[in-house]
């Protein structure tokens, strides 16, 4: 991973250590976190900053098993701000695919960006590449 810069978009869940689960060391990867690790407009803006100012041209979207955004109880959903409700999902793998498609189709994301999608299995401490 010599001198290459990466951007990781992942969940804010405190059980996750983005650098440890991805195998990167400090200064190799920029980490962007939100509820569910979703490719929100704001997250994509931050990803673009890492590309435009720091030349991070490989972006990883990492969702994880046992994520609250994928199993939010109905009675709690009504308490969420609308922007966070958009982060909810029913199918973990599909949520990663949707986020890859959203990022790829963004008008400011150039074709030279390498975009990968992963699911991190919390129980097994295993990162699964679903974009291959």
C-alpha atoms as a PDB file:
ATOM      1  CA  UNK A   1       0.000   0.000   0.000  1.00  0.00           C
ATOM      2  CA  UNK A   2       2.997   2.231  -0.654  1.00  0.00           C
ATOM      3  CA  UNK A   3       2.140   5.962  -0.733  1.00  0.00           C
ATOM      4  CA  UNK A   4      -1.342   5.248  -2.002  1.00  0.00           C
ATOM      5  CA  UNK A   5      -4.117   7.038  -0.143  1.00  0.00           C
ATOM      6  CA  UNK A   6      -7.468   5.493   0.663  1.00  0.00           C
ATOM      7  CA  UNK A   7     -10.773   6.805   1.919  1.00  0.00           C
ATOM      8  CA  UNK A   8     -12.971   4.636   4.118  1.00  0.00           C
ATOM      9  CA  UNK A   9     -16.652   5.401   4.549  1.00  0.00           C
ATOM     10  CA  UNK A  10     -18.033   3.370   7.416  1.00  0.00           C
ATOM     11  CA  UNK A  11     -20.424   3.338  10.327  1.00  0.00           C
ATOM     12  CA  UNK A  12     -19.984   5.387  13.486  1.00  0.00           C
ATOM     13  CA  UNK A  13     -20.619   2.265  15.607  1.00  0.00           C
ATOM     14  CA  UNK A  14     -18.115   2.311  18.477  1.00  0.00           C
ATOM     15  CA  UNK A  15     -17.481  -1.423  18.060  1.00  0.00           C
ATOM     16  CA  UNK A  16     -15.682  -0.721  14.779  1.00  0.00           C
ATOM     17  CA  UNK A  17     -12.050   0.264  14.380  1.00  0.00           C
ATOM     18  CA  UNK A  18     -11.873   1.263  10.703  1.00  0.00           C
ATOM     19  CA  UNK A  19      -8.090   1.096  10.400  1.00  0.00           C
ATOM     20  CA  UNK A  20      -7.833  -2.244  12.173  1.00  0.00           C
ATOM     21  CA  UNK A  21     -10.649  -3.886  10.212  1.00  0.00           C
ATOM     22  CA  UNK A  22      -9.273  -2.657   6.883  1.00  0.00           C
ATOM     23  CA  UNK A  23      -5.636  -3.422   7.640  1.00  0.00           C
ATOM     24  CA  UNK A  24      -4.431   0.155   7.130  1.00  0.00           C
ATOM     25  CA  UNK A  25      -2.027   2.072   9.315  1.00  0.00           C
ATOM     26  CA  UNK A  26      -2.298   5.681  10.445  1.00  0.00           C
ATOM     27  CA  UNK A  27      -1.912   8.153   7.578  1.00  0.00           C
ATOM     28  CA  UNK A  28      -2.771   5.543   4.918  1.00  0.00           C
ATOM     29  CA  UNK A  29      -6.512   6.105   4.999  1.00  0.00           C
ATOM     30  CA  UNK A  30      -8.942   8.918   5.615  1.00  0.00           C
ATOM     31  CA  UNK A  31     -11.936   7.774   7.647  1.00  0.00           C
ATOM     32  CA  UNK A  32     -15.429   9.192   7.232  1.00  0.00           C
ATOM     33  CA  UNK A  33     -18.101   7.903   9.601  1.00  0.00           C
ATOM     34  CA  UNK A  34     -21.840   8.309   9.908  1.00  0.00           C
ATOM     35  CA  UNK A  35     -24.873   6.309  10.993  1.00  0.00           C
ATOM     36  CA  UNK A  36     -24.807   3.180   8.859  1.00  0.00           C
ATOM     37  CA  UNK A  37     -21.731   4.174   6.857  1.00  0.00           C
ATOM     38  CA  UNK A  38     -24.083   5.422   4.160  1.00  0.00           C
ATOM     39  CA  UNK A  39     -23.079   7.416   1.091  1.00  0.00           C
ATOM     40  CA  UNK A  40     -25.018  10.520   2.003  1.00  0.00           C
ATOM     41  CA  UNK A  41     -24.490  13.721   0.047  1.00  0.00           C
ATOM     42  CA  UNK A  42     -22.403  15.045   2.921  1.00  0.00           C
ATOM     43  CA  UNK A  43     -20.246  11.894   3.050  1.00  0.00           C
ATOM     44  CA  UNK A  44     -19.630  12.091  -0.708  1.00  0.00           C
ATOM     45  CA  UNK A  45     -18.592  15.736  -0.314  1.00  0.00           C
ATOM     46  CA  UNK A  46     -15.993  14.695   2.267  1.00  0.00           C
ATOM     47  CA  UNK A  47     -14.814  11.849   0.035  1.00  0.00           C
ATOM     48  CA  UNK A  48     -14.302  14.357  -2.760  1.00  0.00           C
ATOM     49  CA  UNK A  49     -12.160  16.486  -0.438  1.00  0.00           C
ATOM     50  CA  UNK A  50      -9.867  13.499   0.176  1.00  0.00           C
ATOM     51  CA  UNK A  51      -9.481  13.029  -3.584  1.00  0.00           C
ATOM     52  CA  UNK A  52      -9.085  16.657  -4.585  1.00  0.00           C
ATOM     53  CA  UNK A  53      -6.767  17.782  -1.801  1.00  0.00           C
ATOM     54  CA  UNK A  54      -4.988  14.602  -0.711  1.00  0.00           C
ATOM     55  CA  UNK A  55      -5.101  12.433  -3.857  1.00  0.00           C
ATOM     56  CA  UNK A  56      -6.962   9.577  -2.165  1.00  0.00           C
ATOM     57  CA  UNK A  57      -8.195   7.765  -5.249  1.00  0.00           C
ATOM     58  CA  UNK A  58      -9.356   4.448  -3.803  1.00  0.00           C
ATOM     59  CA  UNK A  59     -12.564   4.615  -1.812  1.00  0.00           C
ATOM     60  CA  UNK A  60     -13.969   1.823   0.316  1.00  0.00           C
ATOM     61  CA  UNK A  61     -17.568   1.720   1.488  1.00  0.00           C
ATOM     62  CA  UNK A  62     -17.806  -0.562   4.521  1.00  0.00           C
ATOM     63  CA  UNK A  63     -21.078  -1.563   6.165  1.00  0.00           C
ATOM     64  CA  UNK A  64     -21.229  -4.143   8.954  1.00  0.00           C
ATOM     65  CA  UNK A  65     -23.293  -6.926  10.412  1.00  0.00           C
ATOM     66  CA  UNK A  66     -25.470  -6.181  13.439  1.00  0.00           C
ATOM     67  CA  UNK A  67     -25.835  -2.532  12.379  1.00  0.00           C
ATOM     68  CA  UNK A  68     -28.636  -0.644  14.091  1.00  0.00           C
ATOM     69  CA  UNK A  69     -29.484   1.138  10.819  1.00  0.00           C
ATOM     70  CA  UNK A  70     -30.480  -2.254   9.428  1.00  0.00           C
ATOM     71  CA  UNK A  71     -32.595  -3.276  12.393  1.00  0.00           C
ATOM     72  CA  UNK A  72     -34.070  -0.086  13.808  1.00  0.00           C
ATOM     73  CA  UNK A  73     -37.248  -0.822  15.786  1.00  0.00           C
ATOM     74  CA  UNK A  74     -40.298   0.831  14.214  1.00  0.00           C
ATOM     75  CA  UNK A  75     -41.115   2.753  17.381  1.00  0.00           C
ATOM     76  CA  UNK A  76     -37.669   4.399  17.263  1.00  0.00           C
ATOM     77  CA  UNK A  77     -37.746   5.361  13.570  1.00  0.00           C
ATOM     78  CA  UNK A  78     -40.236   8.171  14.192  1.00  0.00           C
ATOM     79  CA  UNK A  79     -37.761   9.757  16.632  1.00  0.00           C
ATOM     80  CA  UNK A  80     -35.041  10.082  13.985  1.00  0.00           C
ATOM     81  CA  UNK A  81     -34.330  13.210  11.936  1.00  0.00           C
ATOM     82  CA  UNK A  82     -35.362  12.802   8.290  1.00  0.00           C
ATOM     83  CA  UNK A  83     -31.733  12.857   7.133  1.00  0.00           C
ATOM     84  CA  UNK A  84     -30.939   9.848   9.318  1.00  0.00           C
ATOM     85  CA  UNK A  85     -34.057   7.954   8.255  1.00  0.00           C
ATOM     86  CA  UNK A  86     -32.498   7.880   4.787  1.00  0.00           C
ATOM     87  CA  UNK A  87     -29.639   5.798   6.221  1.00  0.00           C
ATOM     88  CA  UNK A  88     -31.928   2.919   7.212  1.00  0.00           C
ATOM     89  CA  UNK A  89     -31.796  -0.295   5.194  1.00  0.00           C
ATOM     90  CA  UNK A  90     -33.355  -3.748   5.095  1.00  0.00           C
ATOM     91  CA  UNK A  91     -30.716  -5.686   3.142  1.00  0.00           C
ATOM     92  CA  UNK A  92     -27.074  -5.242   4.180  1.00  0.00           C
ATOM     93  CA  UNK A  93     -25.448  -6.282   0.906  1.00  0.00           C
ATOM     94  CA  UNK A  94     -27.959  -4.283  -1.132  1.00  0.00           C
ATOM     95  CA  UNK A  95     -27.204  -1.189   0.963  1.00  0.00           C
ATOM     96  CA  UNK A  96     -23.526  -1.405  -0.010  1.00  0.00           C
ATOM     97  CA  UNK A  97     -24.416  -1.884  -3.686  1.00  0.00           C
ATOM     98  CA  UNK A  98     -26.785   1.103  -3.574  1.00  0.00           C
ATOM     99  CA  UNK A  99     -24.096   3.264  -1.996  1.00  0.00           C
ATOM    100  CA  UNK A 100     -21.509   2.255  -4.603  1.00  0.00           C
ATOM    101  CA  UNK A 101     -23.990   3.146  -7.349  1.00  0.00           C
ATOM    102  CA  UNK A 102     -24.811   6.479  -5.701  1.00  0.00           C
ATOM    103  CA  UNK A 103     -21.154   7.453  -5.372  1.00  0.00           C
ATOM    104  CA  UNK A 104     -20.279   6.274  -8.878  1.00  0.00           C
ATOM    105  CA  UNK A 105     -23.132   8.276 -10.414  1.00  0.00           C
ATOM    106  CA  UNK A 106     -22.268  11.513  -8.593  1.00  0.00           C
ATOM    107  CA  UNK A 107     -21.401  14.171 -11.154  1.00  0.00           C
ATOM    108  CA  UNK A 108     -18.165  15.187  -9.404  1.00  0.00           C
ATOM    109  CA  UNK A 109     -16.782  11.670  -8.898  1.00  0.00           C
ATOM    110  CA  UNK A 110     -14.248  11.012 -11.637  1.00  0.00           C
ATOM    111  CA  UNK A 111     -13.854   7.698 -13.434  1.00  0.00           C
ATOM    112  CA  UNK A 112     -10.328   7.226 -12.082  1.00  0.00           C
ATOM    113  CA  UNK A 113     -11.684   6.655  -8.555  1.00  0.00           C
ATOM    114  CA  UNK A 114     -11.383   3.004  -7.550  1.00  0.00           C
ATOM    115  CA  UNK A 115     -14.541   2.202  -5.625  1.00  0.00           C
ATOM    116  CA  UNK A 116     -14.941  -0.950  -3.528  1.00  0.00           C
ATOM    117  CA  UNK A 117     -17.704  -2.215  -1.277  1.00  0.00           C
ATOM    118  CA  UNK A 118     -17.302  -4.369   1.816  1.00  0.00           C
ATOM    119  CA  UNK A 119     -19.260  -5.939   4.620  1.00  0.00           C
ATOM    120  CA  UNK A 120     -17.486  -6.306   7.935  1.00  0.00           C
ATOM    121  CA  UNK A 121     -18.628  -9.322   9.924  1.00  0.00           C
ATOM    122  CA  UNK A 122     -18.389  -8.205  13.546  1.00  0.00           C
ATOM    123  CA  UNK A 123     -18.660 -11.699  14.990  1.00  0.00           C
ATOM    124  CA  UNK A 124     -15.847 -13.119  12.842  1.00  0.00           C
ATOM    125  CA  UNK A 125     -13.761  -9.919  12.539  1.00  0.00           C
ATOM    126  CA  UNK A 126     -13.795 -10.524   8.793  1.00  0.00           C
ATOM    127  CA  UNK A 127     -13.906  -7.978   5.964  1.00  0.00           C
ATOM    128  CA  UNK A 128     -15.749  -9.338   2.925  1.00  0.00           C
ATOM    129  CA  UNK A 129     -15.299  -7.668  -0.463  1.00  0.00           C
ATOM    130  CA  UNK A 130     -18.652  -7.727  -2.237  1.00  0.00           C
ATOM    131  CA  UNK A 131     -17.569  -5.572  -5.165  1.00  0.00           C
ATOM    132  CA  UNK A 132     -15.543  -8.255  -6.936  1.00  0.00           C
END
